[in-house]
Protein backbone atom coordinates (compact mmCIF):
# COMPACT_ATOMS: atom_id res chain seq x y z
CA UNK A 1 -9.69 -5.75 -17.69
CA UNK A 2 -11.86 -4.48 -14.83
CA UNK A 3 -15.61 -4.46 -15.12
CA UNK A 4 -17.60 -1.71 -13.42
CA UNK A 5 -20.31 -3.20 -11.21
CA UNK A 6 -22.59 -0.17 -11.62
CA UNK A 7 -22.82 0.16 -15.41
CA UNK A 8 -21.16 -3.15 -16.45
CA UNK A 9 -18.65 -1.45 -18.75
CA UNK A 10 -14.92 -1.92 -18.90
CA UNK A 11 -12.66 0.40 -16.89
CA UNK A 12 -11.15 1.69 -20.14
CA UNK A 13 -14.61 2.97 -21.21
CA UNK A 14 -14.68 5.31 -18.21
CA UNK A 15 -12.90 8.53 -17.55
CA UNK A 16 -10.94 8.55 -14.31
CA UNK A 17 -13.58 10.72 -12.62
CA UNK A 18 -16.44 8.44 -13.78
CA UNK A 19 -14.63 5.36 -12.51
CA UNK A 20 -14.06 6.97 -9.10
CA UNK A 21 -17.70 8.05 -8.82
CA UNK A 22 -18.96 4.61 -9.76
CA UNK A 23 -16.72 2.96 -7.16
CA UNK A 24 -17.89 5.46 -4.50
CA UNK A 25 -21.50 4.62 -5.43
CA UNK A 26 -20.81 0.93 -4.81
CA UNK A 27 -19.32 1.63 -1.37
CA UNK A 28 -22.33 3.77 -0.42
CA UNK A 29 -24.85 1.24 -1.74
CA UNK A 30 -23.14 -1.64 0.12
CA UNK A 31 -23.37 0.24 3.43
CA UNK A 32 -27.00 1.25 2.85
CA UNK A 33 -29.28 -0.22 5.54
CA UNK A 34 -32.17 -2.51 4.69
CA UNK A 35 -35.53 -0.79 5.17
CA UNK A 36 -36.97 -3.90 6.76
CA UNK A 37 -34.31 -5.33 9.10
CA UNK A 38 -31.82 -2.40 9.39
CA UNK A 39 -28.82 -4.56 8.45
CA UNK A 40 -26.38 -3.49 5.73
CA UNK A 41 -26.87 -4.51 2.11
CA UNK A 42 -23.54 -6.32 2.20
CA UNK A 43 -24.99 -8.67 4.87
CA UNK A 44 -27.82 -9.76 2.54
CA UNK A 45 -27.98 -12.10 -0.39
CA UNK A 46 -29.49 -10.36 -3.44
CA UNK A 47 -32.76 -12.31 -3.24
CA UNK A 48 -33.15 -11.58 0.49
CA UNK A 49 -32.52 -7.87 -0.15
CA UNK A 50 -35.23 -7.91 -2.83
CA UNK A 51 -37.68 -9.79 -0.56
CA UNK A 52 -37.21 -7.32 2.28
CA UNK A 53 -37.56 -4.31 -0.05
CA UNK A 54 -40.72 -5.77 -1.61
CA UNK A 55 -42.34 -6.32 1.78
CA UNK A 56 -41.85 -2.69 2.75
CA UNK A 57 -42.76 -1.28 -0.68
CA UNK A 58 -45.93 -3.37 -1.02
CA UNK A 59 -47.12 -2.50 2.46
CA UNK A 60 -46.43 1.21 1.94
CA UNK A 61 -48.42 1.14 -1.30
CA UNK A 62 -51.27 -0.79 0.33
CA UNK A 63 -51.48 1.67 3.20
CA UNK A 64 -50.88 4.68 0.91
CA UNK A 65 -48.11 6.03 3.13
CA UNK A 66 -44.88 7.71 2.14
CA UNK A 67 -42.82 7.77 5.34
CA UNK A 68 -41.35 4.95 7.42
CA UNK A 69 -40.81 5.19 11.17
CA UNK A 70 -38.43 2.91 13.08
CA UNK A 71 -40.21 1.05 15.88
CA UNK A 72 -38.23 -0.42 18.76
CA UNK A 73 -41.09 -1.94 20.73
CA UNK A 74 -43.27 -5.04 20.71
CA UNK A 75 -40.54 -7.32 22.05
CA UNK A 76 -38.31 -7.23 18.97
CA UNK A 77 -34.54 -7.23 19.27
CA UNK A 78 -33.83 -4.81 16.43
CA UNK A 79 -35.93 -1.91 15.16
CA UNK A 80 -38.31 -2.53 12.30
CA UNK A 81 -40.36 -0.29 10.03
CA UNK A 82 -43.82 1.01 10.64
CA UNK A 83 -46.18 3.68 9.36
CA UNK A 84 -47.78 6.43 11.40
CA UNK A 85 -51.28 7.75 10.99
CA UNK A 86 -52.13 11.03 12.70
CA UNK A 87 -55.76 11.37 13.73
CA UNK A 88 -57.16 14.77 14.63
CA UNK A 89 -59.59 14.58 17.53
CA UNK A 90 -62.67 16.77 17.98
CA UNK A 91 -60.99 18.76 20.77
CA UNK A 92 -58.10 19.70 18.43
CA UNK A 93 -55.54 17.25 19.84
CA UNK A 94 -53.70 14.72 17.71
CA UNK A 95 -53.31 10.99 18.24
CA UNK A 96 -50.61 8.98 16.49
CA UNK A 97 -51.29 5.38 15.58
CA UNK A 98 -48.13 3.43 14.80
CA UNK A 99 -48.72 0.36 12.64
CA UNK A 100 -45.74 -2.00 12.27
CA UNK A 101 -44.83 -3.68 9.00
CA UNK A 102 -44.39 -7.43 9.32
CA UNK A 103 -43.42 -10.02 6.73
CA UNK A 104 -46.16 -12.55 5.97
CA UNK A 105 -45.86 -16.13 4.74
CA UNK A 106 -46.53 -16.43 1.01
CA UNK A 107 -48.72 -19.54 1.50
CA UNK A 108 -50.72 -19.12 4.72
CA UNK A 109 -50.42 -15.30 5.10
CA UNK A 110 -49.51 -15.57 8.79
CA UNK A 111 -46.72 -13.33 10.04
CA UNK A 112 -43.27 -14.91 10.25
CA UNK A 113 -40.64 -14.67 12.98
CA UNK A 114 -37.09 -13.30 12.96
CA UNK A 115 -35.52 -16.57 11.80
CA UNK A 116 -37.94 -16.86 8.90
CA UNK A 117 -37.30 -13.22 7.93
CA UNK A 118 -33.55 -13.87 7.82
CA UNK A 119 -34.04 -17.04 5.77
CA UNK A 120 -36.74 -15.66 3.46
CA UNK A 121 -34.63 -16.24 0.36
CA UNK A 122 -33.96 -19.87 1.28
CA UNK A 123 -37.53 -20.60 2.41
CA UNK A 124 -39.05 -18.85 -0.59
CA UNK A 125 -40.92 -16.35 1.60
CA UNK A 126 -42.71 -19.13 3.49
CA UNK A 127 -42.91 -19.88 7.21
CA UNK A 128 -41.19 -23.02 8.53
CA UNK A 129 -44.48 -24.95 8.70
CA UNK A 130 -45.45 -24.25 5.07
CA UNK A 131 -41.89 -24.91 3.91
CA UNK A 132 -41.87 -28.30 5.65
CA UNK A 133 -45.24 -29.18 4.14
CA UNK A 134 -44.06 -28.08 0.69
CA UNK A 135 -40.87 -30.13 0.86
CA UNK A 136 -42.44 -33.16 2.55
CA UNK A 137 -40.50 -32.79 5.81
CA UNK A 138 -41.88 -33.35 9.28
CA UNK A 139 -42.62 -30.12 11.13
CA UNK A 140 -42.53 -29.85 14.91
CA UNK A 141 -41.82 -26.86 17.06
CA UNK A 142 -38.68 -28.55 18.42
CA UNK A 143 -37.14 -28.83 14.95
CA UNK A 144 -37.23 -25.04 14.63
CA UNK A 145 -36.68 -23.83 18.19
CA UNK A 146 -33.28 -24.62 19.73
CA UNK A 147 -33.09 -26.18 23.17
CA UNK A 148 -31.81 -24.27 26.18
CA UNK A 149 -28.46 -26.08 26.00
CA UNK A 150 -28.04 -25.14 22.32
CA UNK A 151 -28.75 -21.50 23.13
CA UNK A 152 -26.20 -21.56 25.97
CA UNK A 153 -23.58 -23.10 23.67
CA UNK A 154 -24.24 -20.45 21.00
CA UNK A 155 -23.98 -17.67 23.58
CA UNK A 156 -20.67 -19.05 24.89
CA UNK A 157 -19.32 -19.34 21.33
CA UNK A 158 -20.28 -15.71 20.57
CA UNK A 159 -18.70 -14.48 23.81
CA UNK A 160 -15.45 -16.33 23.04
CA UNK A 161 -15.40 -14.81 19.52
CA UNK A 162 -15.81 -11.32 20.97
CA UNK A 163 -13.01 -11.85 23.48
CA UNK A 164 -10.56 -12.94 20.78
């Protein structure tokens, strides 16, 4: 007994063509990139995927925009979404204003960093400071930011993984 992940029916309830199409849909949906962080859906937990999609959808609705633009500036490692507003000047020229979409903390409404974006499902959409306050833990910058030696060790470990 095989259960289809798209329609949650048994394989015997499908024709052969339906089963093939449903399995192709799953492969396509798993390789679909996240609108917020550009990683594949298969690299996300379900709650993280939902959080990232909600951030983009809510911001698009708030700004009343329909198109996303990838932005690779502002010191970020990977591209992230933004909206573009085209202003027509009096002399007939056009100016484009690119406004990035950032994820905000659910408690304090400050923007969160890359680590907090990746751990949004675990942190409940909060920044590290609010999460520590909520759970009664001590918050210091050093608890969140790795030391130089830790970063060097991580880099060496990644390089050795790539070489193997």
